[in-house]
Protein backbone atom coordinates (compact mmCIF):
# COMPACT_ATOMS: atom_id res chain seq x y z
CA MET A 1 26.14 45.59 56.32
CA MET A 2 28.59 42.68 55.98
CA VAL A 3 30.67 44.08 58.84
CA TYR A 4 27.58 44.09 61.05
CA TRP A 5 26.63 40.49 60.23
CA LYS A 6 30.16 39.32 60.93
CA SER A 7 29.96 40.92 64.36
CA VAL A 8 26.70 39.10 65.27
CA THR A 9 27.28 36.25 67.73
CA ILE A 10 25.12 33.39 69.00
CA ARG A 11 24.59 35.40 72.17
CA ASN A 12 23.09 38.23 70.09
CA VAL A 13 20.77 35.81 68.29
CA ILE A 14 19.54 34.42 71.63
CA ASP A 15 18.89 37.96 72.78
CA TYR A 16 16.89 38.76 69.62
CA VAL A 17 14.82 35.59 69.91
CA GLY A 18 14.13 36.23 73.59
CA THR A 19 13.02 39.78 72.89
CA ALA A 20 10.67 38.64 70.11
CA TRP A 21 9.19 35.91 72.30
CA ASP A 22 8.55 38.30 75.20
CA ASN A 23 6.54 40.56 72.86
CA ILE A 24 4.11 37.78 71.89
CA LYS A 25 0.77 38.23 73.64
CA GLN A 26 -1.16 35.42 75.27
CA ALA A 27 -4.14 36.08 73.00
CA THR A 28 -1.91 35.45 69.96
CA ILE A 29 -0.94 32.03 71.32
CA ASN A 30 -4.59 31.24 72.00
CA ASN A 31 -5.58 32.14 68.45
CA CYS A 32 -2.79 29.98 67.01
CA TRP A 33 -3.77 26.88 68.97
CA LYS A 34 -7.52 27.39 68.65
CA ASN A 35 -7.81 25.69 65.25
CA ILE A 36 -5.11 23.09 65.95
CA TRP A 37 -6.12 21.92 69.44
CA PRO A 38 -9.38 23.60 70.57
CA ASP A 39 -9.67 21.56 73.76
CA CYS A 40 -6.28 22.81 74.94
CA VAL A 41 -6.96 26.49 74.34
CA GLU A 42 -9.39 26.84 77.24
CA ASN A 43 -6.62 25.81 79.65
CA PHE A 44 -4.43 28.73 78.62
CA GLU A 45 -4.26 31.78 80.87
CA GLY A 46 -6.62 34.46 79.69
CA PHE A 47 -9.04 32.10 77.90
CA GLU A 48 -10.90 30.76 80.93
CA GLY A 49 -13.55 33.41 80.35
CA VAL A 50 -15.03 31.52 77.40
CA THR A 51 -17.77 29.94 79.51
CA GLU A 52 -21.46 29.62 78.90
CA SER A 53 -22.11 33.17 80.08
CA ILE A 54 -19.46 34.52 77.72
CA LYS A 55 -20.83 32.47 74.86
CA ASN A 56 -24.28 33.89 75.53
CA SER A 57 -22.80 37.38 75.52
CA VAL A 58 -21.18 36.64 72.17
CA LYS A 59 -24.53 35.57 70.76
CA ASN A 60 -26.17 38.74 72.06
CA ILE A 61 -23.45 40.86 70.49
CA MET A 62 -23.85 39.08 67.19
CA HIS A 63 -27.62 39.61 67.34
CA ILE A 64 -27.08 43.34 67.85
CA THR A 65 -24.60 43.55 64.95
CA TRP A 66 -27.09 41.84 62.63
CA GLN A 67 -29.70 44.44 63.58
CA ILE A 68 -27.32 47.31 62.96
CA SER A 69 -25.92 45.83 59.71
CA GLY A 70 -23.89 48.02 57.41
CA GLU A 71 -20.17 48.11 56.64
CA GLY A 72 -18.08 46.40 59.27
CA PHE A 73 -21.03 44.53 60.81
CA ASP A 74 -22.31 42.31 58.01
CA ASP A 75 -19.12 40.26 57.81
CA MET A 76 -18.51 40.02 61.58
CA ARG A 77 -18.13 36.51 62.95
CA GLU A 78 -18.39 35.01 66.41
CA GLU A 79 -14.67 34.22 66.28
CA ASP A 80 -13.90 37.93 65.95
CA VAL A 81 -15.92 38.77 69.05
CA GLU A 82 -14.35 35.92 71.03
CA GLU A 83 -10.89 37.13 70.06
CA ILE A 84 -11.63 40.64 71.35
CA LEU A 85 -13.05 39.28 74.59
CA ALA A 86 -10.03 37.03 75.06
CA GLU A 87 -7.66 39.98 74.70
CA LYS A 88 -9.65 42.02 77.20
CA ALA A 89 -9.73 39.10 79.67
CA ILE A 90 -5.94 38.96 79.97
CA GLU A 91 -4.64 40.60 83.12
CA PRO A 92 -2.34 43.51 82.26
CA THR A 93 1.34 42.97 82.97
CA ASN A 94 3.65 45.37 84.77
CA GLU A 95 4.88 46.61 81.40
CA ASP A 96 1.30 47.36 80.31
CA LEU A 97 0.66 49.27 83.53
CA ASP A 98 3.85 51.25 83.05
CA GLU A 99 2.81 52.12 79.51
CA MET A 100 -0.61 53.26 80.75
CA ALA A 101 1.09 55.43 83.36
CA LYS A 102 3.33 56.98 80.69
CA GLN A 103 0.28 57.86 78.62
CA GLY A 104 -1.26 59.60 81.64
CA VAL A 105 -4.34 57.37 81.99
CA GLY A 106 -6.51 58.74 84.81
CA VAL A 107 -4.10 61.54 85.74
CA SER A 108 -4.67 65.16 84.79
CA ASP A 109 -1.85 67.44 83.76
CA ASP A 110 -2.72 70.03 86.40
CA GLU A 111 -2.53 67.54 89.26
CA ASP A 112 0.73 66.14 87.92
CA ASN A 113 2.34 69.58 87.66
CA GLU A 114 1.20 70.59 91.15
CA SER A 115 2.41 67.38 92.80
CA GLN A 116 5.92 67.61 91.34
CA PRO A 117 8.09 70.33 92.92
CA LYS A 118 10.22 72.40 90.63
CA SER A 119 13.91 71.61 90.74
CA PRO A 120 16.00 74.76 90.20
CA GLY A 121 19.37 74.65 88.52
CA ILE A 122 18.73 71.68 86.20
CA VAL A 123 21.24 71.50 83.38
CA PRO A 124 19.37 71.38 80.04
CA LEU A 125 19.55 68.11 78.16
CA THR A 126 21.63 68.27 74.98
CA ALA A 127 22.07 65.82 72.13
CA ALA A 128 25.76 65.42 73.01
CA LYS A 129 24.91 63.79 76.35
CA ILE A 130 22.79 60.95 74.94
CA PRO A 131 25.64 59.23 73.03
CA GLU A 132 27.70 59.31 76.24
CA TRP A 133 24.93 57.54 78.12
CA ASN A 134 24.49 55.04 75.31
CA SER A 135 28.21 54.20 75.32
CA ALA A 136 28.14 53.75 79.09
CA LEU A 137 25.17 51.37 78.82
CA GLU A 138 26.88 49.33 76.10
CA LYS A 139 29.92 48.92 78.35
CA ILE A 140 27.71 47.77 81.22
CA PHE A 141 25.90 45.30 78.96
CA ASN A 142 29.16 43.79 77.71
CA ASP A 143 30.57 43.48 81.22
CA MET A 144 27.43 41.79 82.52
CA GLU A 145 27.29 39.31 79.63
CA GLU A 146 30.95 38.37 80.19
CA CYS A 147 30.82 38.14 83.99
CA ASP A 148 27.30 36.94 84.79
CA PRO A 149 27.09 33.13 84.49
CA MET A 150 23.29 33.33 84.08
CA LEU A 151 22.79 34.45 80.48
CA ASP A 152 19.04 34.86 80.82
CA ARG A 153 19.45 37.27 83.73
CA SER A 154 21.90 39.55 81.92
CA LEU A 155 19.84 39.52 78.73
CA LYS A 156 16.69 40.37 80.65
CA PHE A 157 18.47 43.34 82.25
CA LYS A 158 19.64 44.46 78.82
CA ARG A 159 16.15 44.26 77.31
CA LEU A 160 14.50 46.15 80.16
CA THR A 161 17.19 48.84 80.21
CA SER A 162 17.10 49.26 76.42
CA SER A 163 13.32 49.62 76.54
CA ALA A 164 13.61 52.31 79.21
CA PHE A 165 16.32 54.10 77.20
CA ALA A 166 14.23 54.09 74.00
CA PRO A 167 12.84 57.67 74.44
CA TYR A 168 16.38 59.07 74.64
CA ALA A 169 17.43 57.08 71.57
CA GLU A 170 14.44 58.55 69.71
CA MET A 171 15.49 62.06 70.76
CA LEU A 172 19.00 61.43 69.44
CA LYS A 173 17.60 60.13 66.15
CA ASP A 174 15.41 63.22 65.72
CA SER A 175 18.26 65.62 66.50
CA ARG A 176 20.54 63.91 63.97
CA GLN A 177 17.81 64.04 61.35
CA LYS A 178 17.27 67.76 61.94
CA ALA A 179 21.02 68.40 61.77
CA LYS A 180 21.21 66.52 58.48
CA GLN A 181 18.35 68.56 57.01
CA THR A 182 20.00 71.80 58.16
CA GLY A 183 23.26 70.80 56.47
CA LEU A 184 21.49 70.08 53.19
CA THR A 185 19.74 73.43 53.35
CA GLN A 186 23.03 75.23 53.79
CA ILE A 187 24.60 73.36 50.88
CA LEU A 188 21.71 74.13 48.53
CA GLU A 189 21.54 77.80 49.57
CA PRO A 190 22.83 80.09 46.76
CA VAL A 191 26.20 81.71 47.40
CA TRP A 192 25.38 84.97 45.59
CA LYS A 193 22.70 86.98 47.32
CA GLY A 194 22.13 90.05 45.17
CA LYS A 195 19.19 92.05 43.95
CA LEU A 196 17.60 90.60 40.87
CA PRO A 197 16.52 92.98 38.07
CA THR A 198 13.02 94.29 38.64
CA PRO A 199 10.66 94.73 35.67
CA SER A 200 9.50 98.24 34.88
CA ALA A 201 6.07 99.39 33.78
CA SER A 202 7.13 99.24 30.13
CA GLY A 203 8.14 95.62 30.47
CA GLU A 204 11.88 96.29 30.30
CA SER A 205 14.00 95.09 33.14
CA GLN A 206 15.68 97.69 35.28
CA THR A 207 18.94 97.11 37.05
CA SER A 208 20.50 99.20 39.73
CA GLU A 209 22.63 102.05 38.51
CA VAL A 210 26.37 101.46 38.60
CA GLU A 211 28.67 104.40 39.18
CA LEU A 212 31.77 104.27 36.94
CA THR A 213 35.04 105.79 37.92
CA ASP A 214 36.69 108.46 35.66
CA VAL A 215 39.13 106.96 33.20
CA ASN A 216 41.63 109.13 31.24
CA LEU A 217 41.55 107.93 27.66
CA PRO A 218 44.28 108.82 25.15
CA PRO A 219 43.28 111.40 22.42
CA SER A 220 42.02 109.87 19.22
CA SER A 221 43.62 110.57 15.82
CA SER A 222 40.70 112.74 14.64
CA SER A 223 40.93 115.03 17.65
CA ALA A 224 44.68 115.39 17.18
CA GLU A 225 44.17 116.79 13.66
């Protein structure tokens, strides 16, 4: 752990902060500023929908929840409904659309399989290939950060590429976990694999018969007499 922290640079910290900031949703910012500066919140993108018509809709929703009552409805507030509506009012980004496409929203499996032609002769993907790709990407990232004078541009490329590479990193993690479990199973497996004694009807254990070889014993003193 100490070796890792010593290797962290200011450039890495900027990258981490930028990645965290990009993952903050507009609705989260609206909710933070709502109690501090309510008049400013309506000017934020995604919150323009809180007009009179929306407020009336909120009141209607609250009226319906009071009629339904029960767990989850009795303690509902208008702020909760407004928060949900604000999140739904935000226009989806390109990343959101890509995520929806990955999940197969609106596309059936049959249509997808028919539209994609089969490619013969594809080499199967192995776990040994993924570390090679990861090393190649790390080299590209380092070269770009050293050569590109615009830090924000190189960091943005790194974040987008790392996000796209995430499924392969997850595959590598799973394969290593399975290999580790297999190794533990082999270590804990007993070395001796023999037949254990089986109990008989009388309750005494029976072992397999062992055939002894003939041994020539010397004559005893009694037999010599």
